[in-house]
């Protein structure tokens, strides 16, 4: 699942900060996460993405969360309880705080990024290890959650088939350059939204986390909300997909 959320980050990210016109407070997207097991695509987990408005003493922020949970029948095989969160400017989606809490079988990890003036102060802890801190420059890079929402503000109606956009994602305290190639429109099933015309985007990156050419694809509804309707991914240990079951608050 760690690889899955990294795929989400690569899949949804764009470079720089744009004016937010697509993402609203109160959204909730629920996906079925499937993995290819012995030639069959098997549903193993639920991924839930939600947004809400939060207020601090100094500002109003948009809280973005992405939670992955294995279905109960798979918990005895490999239990997953992952939570990724970001607190961003509602107008630009520029991040202020990123938090990551991973529980996968016997593997646990907690991570926190504080964004300030083009730098990140990170704190990371793993099971039975003391927390470590690190400060590094990131420029206009996004965290692994806020990047999920930025792509929905790209106007793909102006893209030509084959046109590529490059951008940067920060994950595990590293920056990764990613390319998004527009492949045209395709109509697919989008859960409770019914059949929807979607922008089809192919993701590539200089990383071993992705495998194959045009094998990592996201479909965004071709409307103002640009809801992620489906994601197909190919990684070194196999292939899988996320399919939208239910979308509310758009």
Protein backbone atom coordinates (compact mmCIF):
# COMPACT_ATOMS: atom_id res chain seq x y z
CA UNK A 1 0.00 0.00 0.00
CA UNK A 2 2.99 2.31 0.48
CA UNK A 3 3.66 1.90 -3.25
CA UNK A 4 -0.03 2.48 -3.99
CA UNK A 5 -0.15 5.86 -2.29
CA UNK A 6 3.11 6.83 -4.01
CA UNK A 7 1.43 5.92 -7.31
CA UNK A 8 -1.47 8.17 -6.28
CA UNK A 9 0.94 10.99 -5.63
CA UNK A 10 2.65 10.57 -8.99
CA UNK A 11 -0.62 10.11 -10.74
CA UNK A 12 -2.37 13.20 -9.43
CA UNK A 13 0.47 15.71 -9.12
CA UNK A 14 1.20 18.88 -11.06
CA UNK A 15 4.01 21.40 -10.66
CA UNK A 16 3.61 24.78 -9.02
CA UNK A 17 0.61 26.34 -7.31
CA UNK A 18 -2.54 27.06 -9.31
CA UNK A 19 -5.82 28.77 -8.52
CA UNK A 20 -8.11 26.11 -7.09
CA UNK A 21 -11.36 25.92 -9.04
CA UNK A 22 -12.21 22.22 -8.76
CA UNK A 23 -11.69 21.03 -5.17
CA UNK A 24 -14.41 21.75 -2.60
CA UNK A 25 -14.73 21.26 1.13
CA UNK A 26 -17.02 18.33 1.99
CA UNK A 27 -15.99 16.01 -0.82
CA UNK A 28 -15.85 12.26 -0.24
CA UNK A 29 -14.62 9.73 -2.81
CA UNK A 30 -14.68 6.01 -1.99
CA UNK A 31 -12.69 3.51 -4.08
CA UNK A 32 -12.25 -0.25 -4.23
CA UNK A 33 -8.53 -1.11 -4.41
CA UNK A 34 -7.83 -4.31 -6.36
CA UNK A 35 -4.66 -6.30 -7.00
CA UNK A 36 -3.96 -8.92 -9.65
CA UNK A 37 -3.71 -12.25 -7.83
CA UNK A 38 -3.08 -15.33 -9.99
CA UNK A 39 -4.55 -13.58 -13.01
CA UNK A 40 -7.68 -12.33 -11.24
CA UNK A 41 -8.24 -8.71 -10.15
CA UNK A 42 -9.17 -9.15 -6.47
CA UNK A 43 -10.60 -6.38 -4.27
CA UNK A 44 -8.49 -6.12 -1.12
CA UNK A 45 -9.04 -2.69 0.39
CA UNK A 46 -11.05 0.52 0.46
CA UNK A 47 -9.44 3.89 -0.22
CA UNK A 48 -11.32 6.99 0.97
CA UNK A 49 -10.45 10.57 0.02
CA UNK A 50 -12.14 13.42 1.96
CA UNK A 51 -11.90 17.21 2.28
CA UNK A 52 -13.01 19.54 5.07
CA UNK A 53 -12.46 23.13 6.17
CA UNK A 54 -10.51 23.70 9.40
CA UNK A 55 -9.71 26.96 11.17
CA UNK A 56 -6.68 27.84 13.26
CA UNK A 57 -6.06 30.99 15.27
CA UNK A 58 -4.36 32.56 12.23
CA UNK A 59 -5.90 31.10 9.07
CA UNK A 60 -8.46 28.89 7.38
CA UNK A 61 -7.12 25.71 5.78
CA UNK A 62 -8.45 22.85 3.71
CA UNK A 63 -7.83 19.45 5.29
CA UNK A 64 -7.19 16.71 2.72
CA UNK A 65 -7.09 13.07 3.77
CA UNK A 66 -6.48 9.74 2.06
CA UNK A 67 -7.16 6.59 4.07
CA UNK A 68 -6.51 2.98 3.00
CA UNK A 69 -8.05 0.08 4.92
CA UNK A 70 -8.07 -3.62 4.04
CA UNK A 71 -11.44 -5.32 4.06
CA UNK A 72 -11.90 -7.32 7.29
CA UNK A 73 -11.60 -10.71 5.58
CA UNK A 74 -8.06 -9.80 4.48
CA UNK A 75 -6.89 -8.42 7.85
CA UNK A 76 -5.58 -11.79 9.04
CA UNK A 77 -3.56 -12.09 5.83
CA UNK A 78 -2.11 -8.57 5.70
CA UNK A 79 -3.75 -5.81 7.73
CA UNK A 80 -3.45 -2.25 6.40
CA UNK A 81 -4.46 0.95 8.19
CA UNK A 82 -2.80 3.88 6.39
CA UNK A 83 -3.67 7.54 6.81
CA UNK A 84 -2.20 10.40 4.76
CA UNK A 85 -3.18 14.02 5.53
CA UNK A 86 -2.36 17.50 4.27
CA UNK A 87 -3.41 20.98 5.37
CA UNK A 88 -3.38 23.42 2.47
CA UNK A 89 -4.39 26.91 1.38
CA UNK A 90 -7.96 26.56 0.01
CA UNK A 91 -7.27 28.98 -2.87
CA UNK A 92 -3.94 27.59 -4.13
CA UNK A 93 -3.63 24.14 -2.45
CA UNK A 94 -0.16 25.19 -1.28
CA UNK A 95 0.71 22.88 1.64
CA UNK A 96 1.46 23.96 5.20
CA UNK A 97 1.51 20.57 6.92
CA UNK A 98 1.69 16.94 5.79
CA UNK A 99 1.24 13.87 8.03
CA UNK A 100 1.64 10.20 7.26
CA UNK A 101 0.71 7.30 9.59
CA UNK A 102 1.33 3.80 8.23
CA UNK A 103 0.35 0.43 9.70
CA UNK A 104 0.94 -2.48 7.32
CA UNK A 105 1.32 -5.89 8.89
CA UNK A 106 4.35 -5.55 11.17
CA UNK A 107 5.56 -2.39 9.44
CA UNK A 108 4.79 0.99 11.01
CA UNK A 109 5.96 4.49 10.14
CA UNK A 110 5.01 8.04 11.07
CA UNK A 111 6.09 11.12 9.16
CA UNK A 112 5.40 14.85 9.40
CA UNK A 113 6.42 17.68 7.06
CA UNK A 114 6.16 21.36 7.97
CA UNK A 115 6.35 23.57 4.87
CA UNK A 116 7.80 27.05 5.28
CA UNK A 117 9.48 29.48 2.86
CA UNK A 118 10.49 26.86 0.29
CA UNK A 119 11.83 24.40 2.86
CA UNK A 120 10.49 21.36 4.66
CA UNK A 121 11.20 20.36 8.24
CA UNK A 122 10.53 16.64 8.42
CA UNK A 123 10.15 14.35 11.42
CA UNK A 124 10.10 10.60 10.86
CA UNK A 125 9.80 7.60 13.17
CA UNK A 126 9.63 3.86 12.57
CA UNK A 127 8.86 0.94 14.85
CA UNK A 128 11.42 0.58 17.65
CA UNK A 129 13.46 3.52 16.32
CA UNK A 130 13.95 7.03 17.73
CA UNK A 131 12.46 9.90 15.66
CA UNK A 132 14.78 11.69 13.25
CA UNK A 133 14.53 15.24 11.93
CA UNK A 134 15.73 16.78 8.70
CA UNK A 135 15.39 20.13 6.90
CA UNK A 136 15.69 20.42 3.11
CA UNK A 137 14.77 22.74 0.24
CA UNK A 138 11.75 21.81 -1.87
CA UNK A 139 10.91 24.88 -3.99
CA UNK A 140 7.33 24.50 -5.24
CA UNK A 141 7.13 20.74 -4.71
CA UNK A 142 3.97 19.28 -3.22
CA UNK A 143 3.49 16.56 -0.63
CA UNK A 144 1.95 13.19 -1.44
CA UNK A 145 -1.61 14.24 -0.54
CA UNK A 146 -1.98 17.80 -1.87
CA UNK A 147 -0.59 16.62 -5.21
CA UNK A 148 -3.57 14.28 -5.49
CA UNK A 149 -5.86 17.28 -5.77
CA UNK A 150 -3.78 19.62 -7.93
CA UNK A 151 -4.24 17.68 -11.15
CA UNK A 152 -7.97 18.42 -11.02
CA UNK A 153 -7.16 22.06 -11.74
CA UNK A 154 -5.37 21.34 -15.03
CA UNK A 155 -7.45 22.35 -18.08
CA UNK A 156 -7.04 19.23 -20.21
CA UNK A 157 -9.60 20.53 -22.69
CA UNK A 158 -6.74 22.64 -24.08
CA UNK A 159 -4.27 19.74 -24.35
CA UNK A 160 -3.44 17.92 -27.57
CA UNK A 161 -3.12 14.13 -27.63
CA UNK A 162 0.46 13.27 -26.73
CA UNK A 163 1.12 16.57 -24.95
CA UNK A 164 3.26 16.11 -21.83
CA UNK A 165 3.48 18.11 -18.62
CA UNK A 166 6.34 17.58 -16.15
CA UNK A 167 6.23 18.28 -12.43
CA UNK A 168 7.81 17.41 -9.09
CA UNK A 169 6.58 15.28 -6.16
CA UNK A 170 8.19 14.93 -2.73
CA UNK A 171 7.87 11.52 -1.07
CA UNK A 172 10.04 9.79 1.56
CA UNK A 173 12.07 13.01 1.82
CA UNK A 174 13.02 12.82 -1.85
CA UNK A 175 11.96 14.83 -4.92
CA UNK A 176 10.88 12.92 -8.03
CA UNK A 177 10.34 14.33 -11.53
CA UNK A 178 7.17 13.01 -13.12
CA UNK A 179 5.56 13.34 -16.56
CA UNK A 180 1.85 13.30 -17.38
CA UNK A 181 0.91 12.54 -20.98
CA UNK A 182 -2.58 13.36 -22.26
CA UNK A 183 -4.00 10.41 -24.22
CA UNK A 184 -7.41 11.78 -25.19
CA UNK A 185 -10.91 11.03 -23.91
CA UNK A 186 -12.53 7.73 -23.00
CA UNK A 187 -15.95 6.90 -21.51
CA UNK A 188 -15.83 4.64 -18.44
CA UNK A 189 -17.99 3.68 -15.47
CA UNK A 190 -17.59 6.12 -12.55
CA UNK A 191 -19.51 4.46 -9.71
CA UNK A 192 -22.62 6.32 -8.60
CA UNK A 193 -21.87 9.02 -11.20
CA UNK A 194 -22.68 6.56 -14.00
CA UNK A 195 -20.84 6.41 -17.32
CA UNK A 196 -18.66 9.49 -17.76
CA UNK A 197 -16.45 10.88 -20.48
CA UNK A 198 -12.97 11.10 -18.93
CA UNK A 199 -9.57 12.56 -19.67
CA UNK A 200 -7.08 9.69 -19.94
CA UNK A 201 -3.64 10.51 -18.54
CA UNK A 202 -0.52 8.32 -18.69
CA UNK A 203 2.05 8.76 -15.91
CA UNK A 204 5.80 8.24 -16.22
CA UNK A 205 8.67 8.83 -13.79
CA UNK A 206 12.37 8.21 -13.35
CA UNK A 207 11.75 5.69 -10.58
CA UNK A 208 11.66 1.93 -10.10
CA UNK A 209 8.23 2.30 -8.47
CA UNK A 210 6.54 2.38 -11.89
CA UNK A 211 6.84 -0.30 -14.55
CA UNK A 212 6.04 -0.33 -18.27
CA UNK A 213 5.08 2.30 -20.85
CA UNK A 214 1.54 3.70 -20.66
CA UNK A 215 0.72 1.16 -17.96
CA UNK A 216 0.03 3.69 -15.19
CA UNK A 217 -3.16 5.50 -16.14
CA UNK A 218 -5.66 7.82 -14.47
CA UNK A 219 -9.08 8.73 -15.82
CA UNK A 220 -10.50 12.12 -14.68
CA UNK A 221 -14.11 13.04 -15.42
CA UNK A 222 -14.16 15.59 -18.25
CA UNK A 223 -16.14 18.21 -16.30
CA UNK A 224 -15.44 20.99 -13.82
CA UNK A 225 -14.90 18.60 -10.88
CA UNK A 226 -12.45 16.27 -12.68
CA UNK A 227 -13.20 13.44 -10.28
CA UNK A 228 -10.65 10.58 -10.42
CA UNK A 229 -12.87 7.80 -11.75
CA UNK A 230 -10.27 5.04 -12.15
CA UNK A 231 -6.55 4.41 -11.71
CA UNK A 232 -4.60 1.52 -13.19
CA UNK A 233 -1.05 0.94 -11.97
CA UNK A 234 1.86 -1.35 -12.83
CA UNK A 235 4.65 -1.79 -10.28
CA UNK A 236 7.53 -4.29 -9.98
CA UNK A 237 5.50 -6.65 -7.77
CA UNK A 238 2.37 -6.69 -9.94
CA UNK A 239 -0.58 -4.72 -11.28
CA UNK A 240 -3.75 -3.32 -9.78
CA UNK A 241 -6.40 -0.64 -9.95
CA UNK A 242 -8.63 1.72 -7.99
CA UNK A 243 -12.23 2.01 -9.13
CA UNK A 244 -14.63 4.67 -7.90
CA UNK A 245 -17.65 3.36 -6.01
CA UNK A 246 -19.16 6.56 -4.65
CA UNK A 247 -18.55 10.31 -4.98
CA UNK A 248 -20.38 12.97 -2.93
CA UNK A 249 -19.95 16.66 -2.20
CA UNK A 250 -18.79 17.69 -5.68
